[in-house]
Amino acid sequence: MDGQLLDGVLLPAIYRPSWPISVNRRNAWTPQRSSRRLVATPAGVDNSLSAFPGSGLNQVIEKCHLWQIAILGALAGGIAALLLGFSPDWDLFNYHLYNPHALIQGRLTTDIAPAQIQGFLNPLFHIPFYYIFVHFGPAALVFFAGALQGLQWVLLGLLLMRILPSQQIPQWMAWTVATFGMFGPIFIYELGGTQGDTIVSALVLASLLLILPGQQDSGNHDAHARAWLAGLLGGLAVALKLTMALYVIGLFVALLVCRPFKAPLASAWRFGAACAGGFLLGGIAWFGWLWLNFHNPLFPYFNQLFESDWASTVSFRDRRFLPGNALEWMVYPLAWLLEDYKVWEFRFRDVRPLLLYPLMFLVPLLAWRKTGREAPALRMLLVFLAFSYLLWLPLFSIYRYLSVLEMLAPLALFTVIAWLGASRRTAMGGLALLIASQLMVGYKRADVIPDLNINQATALQDLPSNSMLIVSGYEPLSFAALWLSDDIPMIRIRSNFMRPDRGLLDPEIGGDRLSRLALKRISGHDGPLFLLQSPSEGAKPFLEADLRLMGLTPEAAMQCMPVFTHTRLQQQVPLELCPLNDPAPVFPGD
């Protein structure tokens, strides 16, 4: 498939010119026929591609097809991920492997919330990662994830060419700027990982690419088709990862405010309808199952609205990282730059969101008509980023959910500088700013654990078939189910949304049915009981109280055994299996 076919079939009306791009090399004052030219070239100023350094490299890039650049991006992402290594994080241990495993192996009704609140998230996105991990190993998973993340280099490059006319900068510079979008702390942390922030983001970037105005836009029929497809991709992104909703809403607002199409209301209606369709396409099966079983399609989230008696009637929002005072609400990017752990569990540093923060509000406000006349795509990009940030701030304030903004920040900074300066020197200055800001980026990655694979021997595989595994606490332990026989249930009695004492209460006075069901399942079990824990969890004061509540105590502390027989893996992932005595009959009835 060549570049033109890929453009015409998969990206209609996004990138009209064929490769190589034709260039206007005249140096006189030559306003373009289209009113959407970014800048005019004043007489005496050589703003053509030949005026930039690297013309030889530019000629090489011009000979490449789009699919070749896509393959290059995928290979670069996959190889870079392999070099960084398999770095499973809290989410992978907690639910990235467990959720698809439970769905495929039929454990949805056998277990009770071993993956805590995250165990009720849509498992569709993680199914291919689980399959690759089980059948091909962690190295294949890392390469696959890195390749998907690397493909977004193409989307970032196309977005920049959409915003800037091809006459403004050479292609080598466009692709270089796009590369900076993939070197932020979120992207580096997640490279080769199974988080959706930097993979599902591709659907958001493609949706943005479809609705940005461009020089080669055609009539209403083309605009309507683009709105339909953009909405479908956006809705699918939300179904796969609910936090992507903030970007899809930002796209919808930008579509209404910036009016990139001749029929803005009709286009917005089509975008919204297609979003609903994409959301149903990617989530109706899972959200329908949650509704039928727990009377809340987003269970247990937003339970203050659905009032399911299976969980407490609260929203279960994570409020740890919300701004703490009025000043932080106004300048939060400055606050998290000055104070570690303000918006993430890890230390990181990236000055680019702070540099972009005033621009994405002030440029559209102070130059609304000017940007609409000279740079409509830039104006729409900034409006999209501004509204998305304003949604993120009160809803989450969790930094990794800003993955799309992080990837687009270098593009937006460079484009604003190029638009304001309108010269070769300014473009080179913008590139220098990106290089300088990149040198200030600090990031963290999870520990590399190369020995974690499905072929490792564990004590879980030797448990009697009539056993039950109990988990209490907040550690991410549900991944152990991959080594557990499918007829051995895993029951969690304490988690980030459950407590065993709530199972003793009626739902009308603070109890919940899921905690009650967990206690009843344990009380009525007729076989051996085992506690799965990490050594650090064993020292927590609530563990003894939770076990005592059910009449359970470890038979002997010395009888706890390591889960993994591989010594180094057991040291990196310390898990213990402890036999428990039979529970006392102290649990409530129906």
Foldseek 3Di string as FASTA:
>chain_A
DFQVVCCVPVPNPLDPDFFPDDADFDQDFDDDPALQALDTHHHPAGQFAVVDPPVVVLVVVSVGTLVVQLQVLLQVQLVVLVVVFQFDDQCVLQALQQLLVCVVLVQPVQAFQLSPQCSLAQNVLSNVLNVCQAPPNLSSLLSNQRSLLSSCLSLQLSLLCQQHPCRRYGSVLSSVLLVLLCQFQLNVQCRSHSDCLRRLVSLLSSLLSLQQAGDRDDAPVSLLVSLLSSLLSQLLSCLNPVLSVLLLVLLLVLLQPLVRHPPSVSSSVNSPVSSVVNVCVNHVVSLVVCCVPFVGSSPPACQLVRVGQQFANDRLADPQQADDDDVCLVQVVVVCQVDPPNQEPGGKHFCLCNVCVVVLPCVCVVCVPVCSSHGSSLVSVSSSLNSSVVVCRVRGSRPSSCSSVSSCSSSSQLSVQCSVVVHPVSNVVSVVVSVVRSVGIGYDYGDHDRPDGLPFAWPQLVDDLLEEEEEEDERSNSSCCSNHDSSHYYYYLYYSGHHLVLLQDDSVVRHGVSNVVSLVCQLPRDDWYKYKDFVVVVPDPVVVVRQVQFQKDFPDPVPWDFTTPPVVNCVVVPMTITTIDRTDPPGDDD
